[in-house]
PDB file of N, CA and C in Angstrom:
ATOM      1  N   MET A   1       0.831  -1.191   0.000  1.00  0.00           N
ATOM      2  CA  MET A   1       0.000   0.000   0.000  1.00  0.00           C
ATOM      3  C   MET A   1       0.875   1.254   0.000  1.00  0.00           C
ATOM      4  N   GLN A   2       1.890   1.254   0.879  1.00  0.00           N
ATOM      5  CA  GLN A   2       2.787   2.404   0.949  1.00  0.00           C
ATOM      6  C   GLN A   2       3.574   2.563  -0.344  1.00  0.00           C
ATOM      7  N   GLU A   3       3.941   1.454  -0.944  1.00  0.00           N
ATOM      8  CA  GLU A   3       4.674   1.518  -2.212  1.00  0.00           C
ATOM      9  C   GLU A   3       3.811   2.156  -3.299  1.00  0.00           C
ATOM     10  N   LEU A   4       2.542   1.762  -3.337  1.00  0.00           N
ATOM     11  CA  LEU A   4       1.640   2.342  -4.321  1.00  0.00           C
ATOM     12  C   LEU A   4       1.475   3.834  -4.091  1.00  0.00           C
ATOM     13  N   MET A   5       1.326   4.223  -2.816  1.00  0.00           N
ATOM     14  CA  MET A   5       1.180   5.642  -2.503  1.00  0.00           C
ATOM     15  C   MET A   5       2.447   6.409  -2.863  1.00  0.00           C
ATOM     16  N   ALA A   6       3.603   5.800  -2.591  1.00  0.00           N
ATOM     17  CA  ALA A   6       4.865   6.455  -2.910  1.00  0.00           C
ATOM     18  C   ALA A   6       5.004   6.620  -4.420  1.00  0.00           C
ATOM     19  N   GLN A   7       4.649   5.574  -5.169  1.00  0.00           N
ATOM     20  CA  GLN A   7       4.729   5.658  -6.622  1.00  0.00           C
ATOM     21  C   GLN A   7       3.754   6.711  -7.151  1.00  0.00           C
ATOM     22  N   HIS A   8       2.573   6.740  -6.568  1.00  0.00           N
ATOM     23  CA  HIS A   8       1.568   7.725  -6.990  1.00  0.00           C
ATOM     24  C   HIS A   8       2.041   9.140  -6.682  1.00  0.00           C
ATOM     25  N   GLY A   9       2.653   9.321  -5.521  1.00  0.00           N
ATOM     26  CA  GLY A   9       3.203  10.623  -5.140  1.00  0.00           C
ATOM     27  C   GLY A   9       4.325  11.041  -6.070  1.00  0.00           C
ATOM     28  N   MET A  10       5.192  10.117  -6.411  1.00  0.00           N
ATOM     29  CA  MET A  10       6.293  10.407  -7.334  1.00  0.00           C
ATOM     30  C   MET A  10       5.752  10.750  -8.714  1.00  0.00           C
ATOM     31  N   GLY A  11       4.696  10.047  -9.114  1.00  0.00           N
ATOM     32  CA  GLY A  11       4.096  10.329 -10.413  1.00  0.00           C
ATOM     33  C   GLY A  11       3.565  11.737 -10.477  1.00  0.00           C
ATOM     34  N   ASN A  12       2.950  12.204  -9.407  1.00  0.00           N
ATOM     35  CA  ASN A  12       2.435  13.577  -9.372  1.00  0.00           C
ATOM     36  C   ASN A  12       3.558  14.590  -9.463  1.00  0.00           C
ATOM     37  N   GLN A  13       4.654  14.300  -8.772  1.00  0.00           N
ATOM     38  CA  GLN A  13       5.791  15.219  -8.824  1.00  0.00           C
ATOM     39  C   GLN A  13       6.371  15.271 -10.236  1.00  0.00           C
ATOM     40  N   GLN A  14       6.476  14.115 -10.876  1.00  0.00           N
ATOM     41  CA  GLN A  14       7.000  14.086 -12.233  1.00  0.00           C
ATOM     42  C   GLN A  14       6.070  14.815 -13.192  1.00  0.00           C
ATOM     43  N   ASN A  15       4.761  14.630 -13.019  1.00  0.00           N
ATOM     44  CA  ASN A  15       3.803  15.322 -13.884  1.00  0.00           C
ATOM     45  C   ASN A  15       3.894  16.831 -13.700  1.00  0.00           C
ATOM     46  N   SER A  16       4.005  17.275 -12.464  1.00  0.00           N
ATOM     47  CA  SER A  16       4.095  18.715 -12.237  1.00  0.00           C
ATOM     48  C   SER A  16       5.401  19.274 -12.809  1.00  0.00           C
ATOM     49  N   GLU A  17       6.486  18.511 -12.699  1.00  0.00           N
ATOM     50  CA  GLU A  17       7.753  18.957 -13.288  1.00  0.00           C
ATOM     51  C   GLU A  17       7.639  19.018 -14.802  1.00  0.00           C
ATOM     52  N   GLN A  18       6.968  18.021 -15.399  1.00  0.00           N
ATOM     53  CA  GLN A  18       6.794  18.011 -16.846  1.00  0.00           C
ATOM     54  C   GLN A  18       5.938  19.200 -17.286  1.00  0.00           C
ATOM     55  N   GLN A  19       4.904  19.501 -16.514  1.00  0.00           N
ATOM     56  CA  GLN A  19       4.054  20.641 -16.844  1.00  0.00           C
ATOM     57  C   GLN A  19       4.836  21.945 -16.745  1.00  0.00           C
ATOM     58  N   GLN A  20       5.661  22.072 -15.704  1.00  0.00           N
ATOM     59  CA  GLN A  20       6.478  23.271 -15.557  1.00  0.00           C
ATOM     60  C   GLN A  20       7.449  23.405 -16.713  1.00  0.00           C
ATOM     61  N   ASN A  21       8.076  22.295 -17.094  1.00  0.00           N
ATOM     62  CA  ASN A  21       9.013  22.324 -18.218  1.00  0.00           C
ATOM     63  C   ASN A  21       8.298  22.699 -19.509  1.00  0.00           C
ATOM     64  N   ALA A  22       7.105  22.167 -19.701  1.00  0.00           N
ATOM     65  CA  ALA A  22       6.341  22.491 -20.905  1.00  0.00           C
ATOM     66  C   ALA A  22       5.962  23.968 -20.916  1.00  0.00           C
ATOM     67  N   GLN A  23       5.571  24.502 -19.764  1.00  0.00           N
ATOM     68  CA  GLN A  23       5.223  25.924 -19.690  1.00  0.00           C
ATOM     69  C   GLN A  23       6.445  26.791 -19.952  1.00  0.00           C
ATOM     70  N   GLU A  24       7.583  26.407 -19.402  1.00  0.00           N
ATOM     71  CA  GLU A  24       8.809  27.176 -19.634  1.00  0.00           C
ATOM     72  C   GLU A  24       9.199  27.143 -21.107  1.00  0.00           C
ATOM     73  N   ASP A  25       9.059  25.965 -21.732  1.00  0.00           N
ATOM     74  CA  ASP A  25       9.379  25.854 -23.154  1.00  0.00           C
ATOM     75  C   ASP A  25       8.452  26.725 -23.998  1.00  0.00           C
ATOM     76  N   ALA A  26       7.168  26.706 -23.668  1.00  0.00           N
ATOM     77  CA  ALA A  26       6.208  27.523 -24.414  1.00  0.00           C
ATOM     78  C   ALA A  26       6.508  29.002 -24.234  1.00  0.00           C
ATOM     79  N   LYS A  27       6.850  29.392 -23.017  1.00  0.00           N
ATOM     80  CA  LYS A  27       7.182  30.791 -22.753  1.00  0.00           C
ATOM     81  C   LYS A  27       8.442  31.195 -23.524  1.00  0.00           C
ATOM     82  N   ARG A  28       9.434  30.327 -23.530  1.00  0.00           N
ATOM     83  CA  ARG A  28      10.680  30.603 -24.242  1.00  0.00           C
ATOM     84  C   ARG A  28      10.423  30.734 -25.742  1.00  0.00           C
ATOM     85  N   GLU A  29       9.597  29.841 -26.304  1.00  0.00           N
ATOM     86  CA  GLU A  29       9.286  29.903 -27.731  1.00  0.00           C
ATOM     87  C   GLU A  29       8.533  31.187 -28.076  1.00  0.00           C
ATOM     88  N   ALA A  30       7.581  31.563 -27.233  1.00  0.00           N
ATOM     89  CA  ALA A  30       6.825  32.795 -27.474  1.00  0.00           C
ATOM     90  C   ALA A  30       7.751  34.005 -27.414  1.00  0.00           C
ATOM     91  N   ASP A  31       8.691  33.994 -26.476  1.00  0.00           N
ATOM     92  CA  ASP A  31       9.640  35.098 -26.356  1.00  0.00           C
ATOM     93  C   ASP A  31      10.548  35.168 -27.584  1.00  0.00           C
ATOM     94  N   GLU A  32      10.956  34.006 -28.085  1.00  0.00           N
ATOM     95  CA  GLU A  32      11.797  33.980 -29.283  1.00  0.00           C
ATOM     96  C   GLU A  32      11.037  34.525 -30.490  1.00  0.00           C
ATOM     97  N   ARG A  33       9.760  34.128 -30.633  1.00  0.00           N
ATOM     98  CA  ARG A  33       8.943  34.649 -31.733  1.00  0.00           C
ATOM     99  C   ARG A  33       8.784  36.158 -31.617  1.00  0.00           C
ATOM    100  N   ARG A  34       8.578  36.620 -30.387  1.00  0.00           N
ATOM    101  CA  ARG A  34       8.410  38.054 -30.133  1.00  0.00           C
ATOM    102  C   ARG A  34       9.678  38.815 -30.545  1.00  0.00           C
ATOM    103  N   GLN A  35      10.835  38.299 -30.144  1.00  0.00           N
ATOM    104  CA  GLN A  35      12.095  38.957 -30.485  1.00  0.00           C
ATOM    105  C   GLN A  35      12.341  38.931 -31.994  1.00  0.00           C
ATOM    106  N   MET A  36      11.945  37.848 -32.644  1.00  0.00           N
ATOM    107  CA  MET A  36      12.117  37.757 -34.089  1.00  0.00           C
ATOM    108  C   MET A  36      11.242  38.811 -34.795  1.00  0.00           C
ATOM    109  N   LEU A  37       9.994  38.948 -34.359  1.00  0.00           N
ATOM    110  CA  LEU A  37       9.108  39.956 -34.946  1.00  0.00           C
ATOM    111  C   LEU A  37       9.647  41.362 -34.707  1.00  0.00           C
ATOM    112  N   LEU A  38      10.135  41.611 -33.495  1.00  0.00           N
ATOM    113  CA  LEU A  38      10.682  42.938 -33.197  1.00  0.00           C
ATOM    114  C   LEU A  38      11.908  43.239 -34.048  1.00  0.00           C
ATOM    115  N   SER A  39      12.736  42.226 -34.293  1.00  0.00           N
ATOM    116  CA  SER A  39      13.926  42.465 -35.116  1.00  0.00           C
ATOM    117  C   SER A  39      13.537  42.795 -36.552  1.00  0.00           C
ATOM    118  N   GLN A  40      12.381  42.293 -37.007  1.00  0.00           N
ATOM    119  CA  GLN A  40      11.917  42.616 -38.357  1.00  0.00           C
ATOM    120  C   GLN A  40      11.304  44.011 -38.418  1.00  0.00           C
ATOM    121  N   ILE A  41      10.724  44.460 -37.309  1.00  0.00           N
ATOM    122  CA  ILE A  41      10.008  45.740 -37.285  1.00  0.00           C
ATOM    123  C   ILE A  41      10.931  46.913 -36.964  1.00  0.00           C
ATOM    124  N   LEU A  42      11.886  46.696 -36.044  1.00  0.00           N
ATOM    125  CA  LEU A  42      12.720  47.794 -35.539  1.00  0.00           C
ATOM    126  C   LEU A  42      14.051  47.882 -36.269  1.00  0.00           C
ATOM    127  N   SER A  43      14.541  49.095 -36.408  1.00  0.00           N
ATOM    128  CA  SER A  43      15.890  49.298 -36.931  1.00  0.00           C
ATOM    129  C   SER A  43      16.882  48.919 -35.833  1.00  0.00           C
ATOM    130  N   PRO A  44      18.138  48.662 -36.186  1.00  0.00           N
ATOM    131  CA  PRO A  44      19.129  48.287 -35.151  1.00  0.00           C
ATOM    132  C   PRO A  44      19.287  49.343 -34.056  1.00  0.00           C
ATOM    133  N   GLU A  45      19.217  50.617 -34.423  1.00  0.00           N
ATOM    134  CA  GLU A  45      19.352  51.682 -33.426  1.00  0.00           C
ATOM    135  C   GLU A  45      18.164  51.670 -32.460  1.00  0.00           C
ATOM    136  N   ALA A  46      16.974  51.441 -32.989  1.00  0.00           N
ATOM    137  CA  ALA A  46      15.778  51.396 -32.147  1.00  0.00           C
ATOM    138  C   ALA A  46      15.829  50.191 -31.215  1.00  0.00           C
ATOM    139  N   ARG A  47      16.319  49.064 -31.707  1.00  0.00           N
ATOM    140  CA  ARG A  47      16.454  47.873 -30.849  1.00  0.00           C
ATOM    141  C   ARG A  47      17.444  48.133 -29.716  1.00  0.00           C
ATOM    142  N   GLU A  48      18.525  48.829 -30.041  1.00  0.00           N
ATOM    143  CA  GLU A  48      19.511  49.186 -29.006  1.00  0.00           C
ATOM    144  C   GLU A  48      18.883  50.053 -27.929  1.00  0.00           C
ATOM    145  N   ARG A  49      18.096  51.036 -28.352  1.00  0.00           N
ATOM    146  CA  ARG A  49      17.472  51.944 -27.391  1.00  0.00           C
ATOM    147  C   ARG A  49      16.502  51.182 -26.486  1.00  0.00           C
ATOM    148  N   ILE A  50      15.705  50.300 -27.062  1.00  0.00           N
ATOM    149  CA  ILE A  50      14.772  49.517 -26.239  1.00  0.00           C
ATOM    150  C   ILE A  50      15.548  48.606 -25.286  1.00  0.00           C
ATOM    151  N   ALA A  51      16.670  48.069 -25.731  1.00  0.00           N
ATOM    152  CA  ALA A  51      17.480  47.224 -24.855  1.00  0.00           C
ATOM    153  C   ALA A  51      18.022  48.029 -23.673  1.00  0.00           C
ATOM    154  N   ARG A  52      18.426  49.270 -23.929  1.00  0.00           N
ATOM    155  CA  ARG A  52      18.905  50.118 -22.835  1.00  0.00           C
ATOM    156  C   ARG A  52      17.782  50.485 -21.875  1.00  0.00           C
ATOM    157  N   ILE A  53      16.607  50.726 -22.421  1.00  0.00           N
ATOM    158  CA  ILE A  53      15.451  51.023 -21.559  1.00  0.00           C
ATOM    159  C   ILE A  53      15.114  49.800 -20.710  1.00  0.00           C
ATOM    160  N   ALA A  54      15.213  48.618 -21.305  1.00  0.00           N
ATOM    161  CA  ALA A  54      14.888  47.375 -20.589  1.00  0.00           C
ATOM    162  C   ALA A  54      15.832  47.134 -19.421  1.00  0.00           C
ATOM    163  N   LEU A  55      17.055  47.630 -19.514  1.00  0.00           N
ATOM    164  CA  LEU A  55      17.991  47.477 -18.397  1.00  0.00           C
ATOM    165  C   LEU A  55      17.525  48.247 -17.174  1.00  0.00           C
ATOM    166  N   VAL A  56      16.923  49.420 -17.409  1.00  0.00           N
ATOM    167  CA  VAL A  56      16.504  50.282 -16.314  1.00  0.00           C
ATOM    168  C   VAL A  56      15.062  50.004 -15.906  1.00  0.00           C
ATOM    169  N   LYS A  57      14.179  49.938 -16.903  1.00  0.00           N
ATOM    170  CA  LYS A  57      12.745  49.739 -16.638  1.00  0.00           C
ATOM    171  C   LYS A  57      12.202  48.655 -17.565  1.00  0.00           C
ATOM    172  N   PRO A  58      12.327  47.402 -17.160  1.00  0.00           N
ATOM    173  CA  PRO A  58      11.886  46.302 -18.034  1.00  0.00           C
ATOM    174  C   PRO A  58      10.396  46.353 -18.372  1.00  0.00           C
ATOM    175  N   GLU A  59       9.562  46.762 -17.413  1.00  0.00           N
ATOM    176  CA  GLU A  59       8.118  46.798 -17.677  1.00  0.00           C
ATOM    177  C   GLU A  59       7.766  47.869 -18.707  1.00  0.00           C
ATOM    178  N   LYS A  60       8.505  48.963 -18.696  1.00  0.00           N
ATOM    179  CA  LYS A  60       8.260  50.027 -19.675  1.00  0.00           C
ATOM    180  C   LYS A  60       8.690  49.574 -21.067  1.00  0.00           C
ATOM    181  N   ALA A  61       9.832  48.920 -21.154  1.00  0.00           N
ATOM    182  CA  ALA A  61      10.305  48.418 -22.440  1.00  0.00           C
ATOM    183  C   ALA A  61       9.330  47.394 -23.003  1.00  0.00           C
ATOM    184  N   ARG A  62       8.821  46.542 -22.135  1.00  0.00           N
ATOM    185  CA  ARG A  62       7.847  45.522 -22.561  1.00  0.00           C
ATOM    186  C   ARG A  62       6.573  46.191 -23.088  1.00  0.00           C
ATOM    187  N   GLY A  63       6.141  47.240 -22.420  1.00  0.00           N
ATOM    188  CA  GLY A  63       4.951  47.964 -22.864  1.00  0.00           C
ATOM    189  C   GLY A  63       5.148  48.611 -24.221  1.00  0.00           C
ATOM    190  N   VAL A  64       6.314  49.194 -24.432  1.00  0.00           N
ATOM    191  CA  VAL A  64       6.608  49.826 -25.730  1.00  0.00           C
ATOM    192  C   VAL A  64       6.647  48.760 -26.822  1.00  0.00           C
ATOM    193  N   GLU A  65       7.260  47.630 -26.509  1.00  0.00           N
ATOM    194  CA  GLU A  65       7.298  46.540 -27.486  1.00  0.00           C
ATOM    195  C   GLU A  65       5.887  46.071 -27.826  1.00  0.00           C
ATOM    196  N   ASP A  66       5.027  45.963 -26.814  1.00  0.00           N
ATOM    197  CA  ASP A  66       3.641  45.555 -27.050  1.00  0.00           C
ATOM    198  C   ASP A  66       2.928  46.527 -27.977  1.00  0.00           C
ATOM    199  N   VAL A  67       3.123  47.828 -27.744  1.00  0.00           N
ATOM    200  CA  VAL A  67       2.488  48.843 -28.580  1.00  0.00           C
ATOM    201  C   VAL A  67       2.967  48.713 -30.022  1.00  0.00           C
ATOM    202  N   ILE A  68       4.255  48.521 -30.194  1.00  0.00           N
ATOM    203  CA  ILE A  68       4.816  48.398 -31.539  1.00  0.00           C
ATOM    204  C   ILE A  68       4.302  47.145 -32.236  1.00  0.00           C
ATOM    205  N   LEU A  69       4.261  46.030 -31.514  1.00  0.00           N
ATOM    206  CA  LEU A  69       3.777  44.784 -32.115  1.00  0.00           C
ATOM    207  C   LEU A  69       2.293  44.883 -32.495  1.00  0.00           C
ATOM    208  N   ARG A  70       1.487  45.501 -31.632  1.00  0.00           N
ATOM    209  CA  ARG A  70       0.061  45.661 -31.948  1.00  0.00           C
ATOM    210  C   ARG A  70      -0.129  46.541 -33.183  1.00  0.00           C
ATOM    211  N   ALA A  71       0.651  47.620 -33.254  1.00  0.00           N
ATOM    212  CA  ALA A  71       0.550  48.505 -34.413  1.00  0.00           C
ATOM    213  C   ALA A  71       0.958  47.769 -35.691  1.00  0.00           C
ATOM    214  N   ALA A  72       1.965  46.935 -35.601  1.00  0.00           N
ATOM    215  CA  ALA A  72       2.407  46.178 -36.774  1.00  0.00           C
ATOM    216  C   ALA A  72       1.349  45.154 -37.187  1.00  0.00           C
ATOM    217  N   GLN A  73       0.716  44.519 -36.215  1.00  0.00           N
ATOM    218  CA  GLN A  73      -0.320  43.533 -36.541  1.00  0.00           C
ATOM    219  C   GLN A  73      -1.546  44.188 -37.170  1.00  0.00           C
ATOM    220  N   MET A  74      -1.815  45.435 -36.777  1.00  0.00           N
ATOM    221  CA  MET A  74      -2.971  46.145 -37.317  1.00  0.00           C
ATOM    222  C   MET A  74      -2.644  46.812 -38.655  1.00  0.00           C
ATOM    223  N   GLY A  75      -1.396  46.728 -39.083  1.00  0.00           N
ATOM    224  CA  GLY A  75      -1.004  47.290 -40.368  1.00  0.00           C
ATOM    225  C   GLY A  75      -0.676  48.769 -40.322  1.00  0.00           C
ATOM    226  N   GLN A  76      -0.504  49.321 -39.132  1.00  0.00           N
ATOM    227  CA  GLN A  76      -0.190  50.740 -39.019  1.00  0.00           C
ATOM    228  C   GLN A  76       1.284  51.017 -39.282  1.00  0.00           C
ATOM    229  N   ILE A  77       2.120  50.003 -39.143  1.00  0.00           N
ATOM    230  CA  ILE A  77       3.557  50.159 -39.398  1.00  0.00           C
ATOM    231  C   ILE A  77       3.873  49.460 -40.710  1.00  0.00           C
ATOM    232  N   THR A  78       4.336  50.235 -41.683  1.00  0.00           N
ATOM    233  CA  THR A  78       4.620  49.669 -42.997  1.00  0.00           C
ATOM    234  C   THR A  78       6.120  49.557 -43.258  1.00  0.00           C
ATOM    235  N   GLU A  79       6.921  50.293 -42.510  1.00  0.00           N
ATOM    236  CA  GLU A  79       8.375  50.242 -42.679  1.00  0.00           C
ATOM    237  C   GLU A  79       9.027  50.084 -41.316  1.00  0.00           C
ATOM    238  N   LYS A  80      10.331  49.853 -41.325  1.00  0.00           N
ATOM    239  CA  LYS A  80      11.030  49.667 -40.059  1.00  0.00           C
ATOM    240  C   LYS A  80      10.949  50.929 -39.206  1.00  0.00           C
ATOM    241  N   VAL A  81      10.783  50.716 -37.912  1.00  0.00           N
ATOM    242  CA  VAL A  81      10.683  51.832 -36.978  1.00  0.00           C
ATOM    243  C   VAL A  81      12.082  52.354 -36.697  1.00  0.00           C
ATOM    244  N   SER A  82      12.299  53.628 -36.979  1.00  0.00           N
ATOM    245  CA  SER A  82      13.605  54.238 -36.738  1.00  0.00           C
ATOM    246  C   SER A  82      13.713  54.662 -35.283  1.00  0.00           C
ATOM    247  N   GLU A  83      14.907  55.055 -34.901  1.00  0.00           N
ATOM    248  CA  GLU A  83      15.126  55.498 -33.522  1.00  0.00           C
ATOM    249  C   GLU A  83      14.332  56.773 -33.226  1.00  0.00           C
ATOM    250  N   GLU A  84      14.261  57.677 -34.209  1.00  0.00           N
ATOM    251  CA  GLU A  84      13.517  58.924 -34.015  1.00  0.00           C
ATOM    252  C   GLU A  84      12.028  58.655 -33.795  1.00  0.00           C
ATOM    253  N   ARG A  85      11.481  57.732 -34.570  1.00  0.00           N
ATOM    254  CA  ARG A  85      10.062  57.395 -34.409  1.00  0.00           C
ATOM    255  C   ARG A  85       9.829  56.711 -33.059  1.00  0.00           C
ATOM    256  N   LEU A  86      10.774  55.895 -32.636  1.00  0.00           N
ATOM    257  CA  LEU A  86      10.678  55.243 -31.335  1.00  0.00           C
ATOM    258  C   LEU A  86      10.705  56.274 -30.215  1.00  0.00           C
ATOM    259  N   ILE A  87      11.558  57.285 -30.353  1.00  0.00           N
ATOM    260  CA  ILE A  87      11.640  58.346 -29.341  1.00  0.00           C
ATOM    261  C   ILE A  87      10.320  59.097 -29.265  1.00  0.00           C
ATOM    262  N   SER A  88       9.734  59.415 -30.408  1.00  0.00           N
ATOM    263  CA  SER A  88       8.445  60.122 -30.387  1.00  0.00           C
ATOM    264  C   SER A  88       7.358  59.239 -29.778  1.00  0.00           C
ATOM    265  N   LEU A  89       7.404  57.948 -30.043  1.00  0.00           N
ATOM    266  CA  LEU A  89       6.448  57.024 -29.451  1.00  0.00           C
ATOM    267  C   LEU A  89       6.632  56.957 -27.936  1.00  0.00           C
ATOM    268  N   LEU A  90       7.873  56.949 -27.487  1.00  0.00           N
ATOM    269  CA  LEU A  90       8.153  56.942 -26.049  1.00  0.00           C
ATOM    270  C   LEU A  90       7.638  58.213 -25.384  1.00  0.00           C
ATOM    271  N   GLU A  91       7.811  59.344 -26.047  1.00  0.00           N
ATOM    272  CA  GLU A  91       7.314  60.610 -25.498  1.00  0.00           C
ATOM    273  C   GLU A  91       5.796  60.591 -25.384  1.00  0.00           C
ATOM    274  N   GLN A  92       5.124  60.051 -26.402  1.00  0.00           N
ATOM    275  CA  GLN A  92       3.663  59.955 -26.353  1.00  0.00           C
ATOM    276  C   GLN A  92       3.218  59.072 -25.190  1.00  0.00           C
ATOM    277  N   ILE A  93       3.878  57.960 -25.018  1.00  0.00           N
ATOM    278  CA  ILE A  93       3.527  57.040 -23.934  1.00  0.00           C
ATOM    279  C   ILE A  93       3.789  57.692 -22.587  1.00  0.00           C
ATOM    280  N   ASN A  94       4.901  58.412 -22.465  1.00  0.00           N
ATOM    281  CA  ASN A  94       5.199  59.103 -21.209  1.00  0.00           C
ATOM    282  C   ASN A  94       4.144  60.157 -20.889  1.00  0.00           C
ATOM    283  N   ASN A  95       3.697  60.899 -21.898  1.00  0.00           N
ATOM    284  CA  ASN A  95       2.672  61.916 -21.676  1.00  0.00           C
ATOM    285  C   ASN A  95       1.350  61.304 -21.240  1.00  0.00           C
ATOM    286  N   GLN A  96       1.042  60.135 -21.774  1.00  0.00           N
ATOM    287  CA  GLN A  96      -0.209  59.475 -21.420  1.00  0.00           C
ATOM    288  C   GLN A  96      -0.167  58.865 -20.026  1.00  0.00           C
ATOM    289  N   THR A  97       1.002  58.414 -19.613  1.00  0.00           N
ATOM    290  CA  THR A  97       1.092  57.696 -18.342  1.00  0.00           C
ATOM    291  C   THR A  97       1.648  58.539 -17.202  1.00  0.00           C
ATOM    292  N   THR A  98       1.921  59.808 -17.465  1.00  0.00           N
ATOM    293  CA  THR A  98       2.453  60.662 -16.410  1.00  0.00           C
ATOM    294  C   THR A  98       1.385  60.879 -15.349  1.00  0.00           C
ATOM    295  N   ARG A  99       1.780  60.673 -14.112  1.00  0.00           N
ATOM    296  CA  ARG A  99       0.852  60.868 -13.006  1.00  0.00           C
ATOM    297  C   ARG A  99       1.182  62.175 -12.309  1.00  0.00           C
ATOM    298  N   GLN A 100       0.159  62.860 -11.936  1.00  0.00           N
ATOM    299  CA  GLN A 100       0.343  64.086 -11.171  1.00  0.00           C
ATOM    300  C   GLN A 100       0.402  63.715  -9.694  1.00  0.00           C
ATOM    301  N   THR A 101       1.445  64.138  -9.044  1.00  0.00           N
ATOM    302  CA  THR A 101       1.537  63.888  -7.613  1.00  0.00           C
ATOM    303  C   THR A 101       1.274  65.190  -6.882  1.00  0.00           C
ATOM    304  N   LYS A 102       0.529  65.080  -5.843  1.00  0.00           N
ATOM    305  CA  LYS A 102       0.179  66.266  -5.079  1.00  0.00           C
ATOM    306  C   LYS A 102       0.447  65.960  -3.613  1.00  0.00           C
ATOM    307  N   VAL A 103       1.196  66.823  -2.991  1.00  0.00           N
ATOM    308  CA  VAL A 103       1.521  66.660  -1.582  1.00  0.00           C
ATOM    309  C   VAL A 103       0.771  67.725  -0.807  1.00  0.00           C
ATOM    310  N   THR A 104       0.017  67.296   0.183  1.00  0.00           N
ATOM    311  CA  THR A 104      -0.721  68.227   1.024  1.00  0.00           C
ATOM    312  C   THR A 104      -0.234  68.057   2.454  1.00  0.00           C
ATOM    313  N   ILE A 105       0.082  69.172   3.069  1.00  0.00           N
ATOM    314  CA  ILE A 105       0.566  69.131   4.440  1.00  0.00           C
ATOM    315  C   ILE A 105      -0.514  69.709   5.346  1.00  0.00           C
ATOM    316  N   HIS A 106      -0.936  68.909   6.288  1.00  0.00           N
ATOM    317  CA  HIS A 106      -1.909  69.348   7.278  1.00  0.00           C
ATOM    318  C   HIS A 106      -1.166  69.502   8.601  1.00  0.00           C
ATOM    319  N   ARG A 107      -1.152  70.688   9.102  1.00  0.00           N
ATOM    320  CA  ARG A 107      -0.479  70.927  10.372  1.00  0.00           C
ATOM    321  C   ARG A 107      -1.499  70.911  11.490  1.00  0.00           C
ATOM    322  N   ARG A 108      -1.120  70.286  12.534  1.00  0.00           N
ATOM    323  CA  ARG A 108      -2.011  70.255  13.690  1.00  0.00           C
ATOM    324  C   ARG A 108      -1.849  71.544  14.475  1.00  0.00           C
ATOM    325  N   ARG A 109      -2.947  72.031  14.953  1.00  0.00           N
ATOM    326  CA  ARG A 109      -2.903  73.226  15.783  1.00  0.00           C
ATOM    327  C   ARG A 109      -2.600  72.815  17.216  1.00  0.00           C
ATOM    328  N   SER A 110      -1.788  73.559  17.791  1.00  0.00           N
ATOM    329  CA  SER A 110      -1.466  73.310  19.188  1.00  0.00           C
ATOM    330  C   SER A 110      -2.605  73.823  20.071  1.00  0.00           C
ATOM    331  N   VAL A 111      -2.828  73.163  21.149  1.00  0.00           N
ATOM    332  CA  VAL A 111      -3.883  73.563  22.083  1.00  0.00           C
ATOM    333  C   VAL A 111      -3.580  74.905  22.683  1.00  0.00           C
ATOM    334  N   LEU A 112      -2.318  75.231  22.814  1.00  0.00           N
ATOM    335  CA  LEU A 112      -1.917  76.462  23.455  1.00  0.00           C
ATOM    336  C   LEU A 112      -1.934  77.675  22.532  1.00  0.00           C
ATOM    337  N   GLU A 113      -2.080  77.440  21.221  1.00  0.00           N
ATOM    338  CA  GLU A 113      -2.093  78.546  20.263  1.00  0.00           C
ATOM    339  C   GLU A 113      -3.376  79.350  20.382  1.00  0.00           C
ATOM    340  N   ASP A 114      -3.253  80.627  20.237  1.00  0.00           N
ATOM    341  CA  ASP A 114      -4.420  81.501  20.205  1.00  0.00           C
ATOM    342  C   ASP A 114      -4.733  81.852  18.771  1.00  0.00           C
ATOM    343  N   ASP A 115      -5.979  81.935  18.434  1.00  0.00           N
ATOM    344  CA  ASP A 115      -6.398  82.343  17.097  1.00  0.00           C
ATOM    345  C   ASP A 115      -6.417  83.857  16.943  1.00  0.00           C
ATOM    346  N   ASP A 116      -6.236  84.568  18.025  1.00  0.00           N
ATOM    347  CA  ASP A 116      -6.309  86.035  18.012  1.00  0.00           C
ATOM    348  C   ASP A 116      -5.204  86.587  17.214  1.00  0.00           C
TER     349      ASP A 116
END
C-alpha cells in the first residue's frame, strides 16, 4: 500500500515537473517569436534603445514593445521603426502615463495657540 502511494506521489511530482518544463518551453518559444518579430520591425538603433530602456525599466520596455507589435499587426507600421520614431512614441507614452503627484501638508494646531 505504501509503495503504491509512494509511486503515486512520485508520479504527481513528475507530472508537475513536466508541466512546468512544458510551460517554460512555451514561454521561451513565445519570447523567441516576439524577439524575431521585433527584429523585423525595428531598426538596429531602435532595438539598441529599447534594450537600454529594458535594463533600467523592463516593464516600460515591454509595454513599448507591445504597442509596436500591436501597431504592426494592425497594419499601421509599414516600414522599419527608426530610432527617431521610437523616441516620439516613447514621449507619447510618457505623456499618457504621467501621473500628477500632489503633496498636502496638514499641520495640527497646538492647544496652546491663540487664534487672536
